[in-house]
Amino acid sequence: MNTALTIIVLAIFIFIIVFYLKRAKEKKKAQQDEHEKIKAYGESINEETRNKNK
């Protein structure tokens, strides 16, 4: 009984860790995508400004 309970608790603990790591990875990817969008927008504004000054 004790062994089975230990195995169940460890399985739940591992599941929680894997779930947390998966969410952290998705969040980091979303932040990187957002950063790329902001960077591209900034570059387009810079390019427009350069073209106006010529």
N, C-alpha and C. Protein backbone atom coordinates (compact mmCIF):
# COMPACT_ATOMS: atom_id res chain seq x y z
N MET A 1 0.84 -1.20 0.00
CA MET A 1 0.00 0.00 0.00
C MET A 1 0.87 1.25 0.00
N ASN A 2 1.89 1.25 0.85
CA ASN A 2 2.78 2.39 0.95
C ASN A 2 3.53 2.63 -0.36
N THR A 3 3.97 1.56 -0.99
CA THR A 3 4.72 1.66 -2.25
C THR A 3 3.82 2.22 -3.36
N ALA A 4 2.61 1.73 -3.44
CA ALA A 4 1.68 2.20 -4.46
C ALA A 4 1.39 3.69 -4.28
N LEU A 5 1.19 4.11 -3.06
CA LEU A 5 0.92 5.51 -2.78
C LEU A 5 2.12 6.38 -3.15
N THR A 6 3.31 5.90 -2.87
CA THR A 6 4.54 6.63 -3.22
C THR A 6 4.66 6.77 -4.74
N ILE A 7 4.38 5.71 -5.46
CA ILE A 7 4.46 5.74 -6.92
C ILE A 7 3.44 6.72 -7.49
N ILE A 8 2.24 6.72 -6.96
CA ILE A 8 1.20 7.63 -7.43
C ILE A 8 1.60 9.08 -7.17
N VAL A 9 2.11 9.36 -6.00
CA VAL A 9 2.53 10.73 -5.66
C VAL A 9 3.66 11.17 -6.57
N LEU A 10 4.63 10.31 -6.80
CA LEU A 10 5.74 10.65 -7.69
C LEU A 10 5.25 10.88 -9.11
N ALA A 11 4.32 10.09 -9.59
CA ALA A 11 3.77 10.26 -10.93
C ALA A 11 3.06 11.60 -11.06
N ILE A 12 2.29 11.97 -10.06
CA ILE A 12 1.60 13.26 -10.08
C ILE A 12 2.61 14.40 -10.04
N PHE A 13 3.63 14.26 -9.22
CA PHE A 13 4.67 15.28 -9.10
C PHE A 13 5.39 15.47 -10.44
N ILE A 14 5.74 14.37 -11.10
CA ILE A 14 6.40 14.44 -12.41
C ILE A 14 5.48 15.08 -13.44
N PHE A 15 4.21 14.72 -13.41
CA PHE A 15 3.24 15.32 -14.34
C PHE A 15 3.18 16.83 -14.15
N ILE A 16 3.14 17.29 -12.92
CA ILE A 16 3.09 18.72 -12.64
C ILE A 16 4.34 19.42 -13.16
N ILE A 17 5.49 18.83 -12.96
CA ILE A 17 6.74 19.43 -13.44
C ILE A 17 6.75 19.51 -14.96
N VAL A 18 6.37 18.43 -15.62
CA VAL A 18 6.35 18.42 -17.09
C VAL A 18 5.35 19.44 -17.61
N PHE A 19 4.19 19.53 -16.99
CA PHE A 19 3.17 20.50 -17.41
C PHE A 19 3.70 21.92 -17.25
N TYR A 20 4.35 22.20 -16.13
CA TYR A 20 4.91 23.53 -15.88
C TYR A 20 5.99 23.88 -16.90
N LEU A 21 6.87 22.94 -17.19
CA LEU A 21 7.94 23.19 -18.17
C LEU A 21 7.37 23.42 -19.57
N LYS A 22 6.33 22.68 -19.92
CA LYS A 22 5.70 22.86 -21.23
C LYS A 22 5.09 24.26 -21.34
N ARG A 23 4.41 24.70 -20.30
CA ARG A 23 3.82 26.04 -20.32
C ARG A 23 4.89 27.11 -20.37
N ALA A 24 5.99 26.92 -19.66
CA ALA A 24 7.08 27.89 -19.67
C ALA A 24 7.68 27.99 -21.07
N LYS A 25 7.82 26.86 -21.73
CA LYS A 25 8.37 26.85 -23.09
C LYS A 25 7.44 27.59 -24.05
N GLU A 26 6.14 27.34 -23.94
CA GLU A 26 5.16 28.02 -24.80
C GLU A 26 5.16 29.52 -24.55
N LYS A 27 5.26 29.90 -23.29
CA LYS A 27 5.26 31.32 -22.94
C LYS A 27 6.50 32.01 -23.50
N LYS A 28 7.66 31.35 -23.40
CA LYS A 28 8.89 31.93 -23.93
C LYS A 28 8.79 32.08 -25.44
N LYS A 29 8.23 31.10 -26.13
CA LYS A 29 8.06 31.17 -27.58
C LYS A 29 7.15 32.32 -27.95
N ALA A 30 6.06 32.51 -27.21
CA ALA A 30 5.14 33.61 -27.48
C ALA A 30 5.82 34.96 -27.27
N GLN A 31 6.64 35.06 -26.24
CA GLN A 31 7.37 36.30 -25.99
C GLN A 31 8.36 36.58 -27.11
N GLN A 32 9.04 35.56 -27.60
CA GLN A 32 9.98 35.74 -28.70
C GLN A 32 9.26 36.18 -29.97
N ASP A 33 8.10 35.58 -30.24
CA ASP A 33 7.32 35.98 -31.41
C ASP A 33 6.90 37.44 -31.31
N GLU A 34 6.45 37.83 -30.13
CA GLU A 34 6.03 39.21 -29.92
C GLU A 34 7.22 40.17 -30.08
N HIS A 35 8.37 39.77 -29.58
CA HIS A 35 9.58 40.59 -29.70
C HIS A 35 9.95 40.77 -31.18
N GLU A 36 9.83 39.70 -31.96
CA GLU A 36 10.14 39.78 -33.39
C GLU A 36 9.17 40.73 -34.11
N LYS A 37 7.90 40.69 -33.73
CA LYS A 37 6.91 41.60 -34.34
C LYS A 37 7.27 43.05 -34.03
N ILE A 38 7.61 43.31 -32.77
CA ILE A 38 7.96 44.67 -32.36
C ILE A 38 9.22 45.13 -33.09
N LYS A 39 10.19 44.24 -33.21
CA LYS A 39 11.45 44.58 -33.89
C LYS A 39 11.18 44.90 -35.36
N ALA A 40 10.37 44.09 -36.02
CA ALA A 40 10.05 44.32 -37.43
C ALA A 40 9.31 45.65 -37.60
N TYR A 41 8.39 45.96 -36.69
CA TYR A 41 7.66 47.22 -36.76
C TYR A 41 8.61 48.40 -36.59
N GLY A 42 9.51 48.31 -35.63
CA GLY A 42 10.49 49.37 -35.41
C GLY A 42 11.38 49.58 -36.61
N GLU A 43 11.81 48.49 -37.23
CA GLU A 43 12.64 48.60 -38.42
C GLU A 43 11.89 49.24 -39.57
N SER A 44 10.61 48.92 -39.71
CA SER A 44 9.83 49.53 -40.80
C SER A 44 9.66 51.03 -40.56
N ILE A 45 9.47 51.44 -39.32
CA ILE A 45 9.36 52.86 -39.00
C ILE A 45 10.69 53.55 -39.29
N ASN A 46 11.80 52.93 -38.92
CA ASN A 46 13.12 53.50 -39.20
C ASN A 46 13.35 53.65 -40.70
N GLU A 47 12.94 52.65 -41.45
CA GLU A 47 13.12 52.70 -42.91
C GLU A 47 12.29 53.83 -43.52
N GLU A 48 11.06 53.99 -43.04
CA GLU A 48 10.22 55.09 -43.53
C GLU A 48 10.85 56.44 -43.22
N THR A 49 11.40 56.57 -42.03
CA THR A 49 12.04 57.83 -41.63
C THR A 49 13.25 58.11 -42.50
N ARG A 50 14.04 57.08 -42.76
CA ARG A 50 15.22 57.27 -43.63
C ARG A 50 14.81 57.71 -45.03
N ASN A 51 13.75 57.10 -45.55
CA ASN A 51 13.30 57.43 -46.91
C ASN A 51 12.73 58.85 -46.99
N LYS A 52 12.13 59.34 -45.92
CA LYS A 52 11.59 60.71 -45.91
C LYS A 52 12.71 61.73 -45.94
N ASN A 53 13.82 61.44 -45.29
CA ASN A 53 14.91 62.39 -45.18
C ASN A 53 15.76 62.47 -46.45
N LYS A 54 15.61 61.53 -47.36
CA LYS A 54 16.42 61.54 -48.59
C LYS A 54 15.90 62.50 -49.62
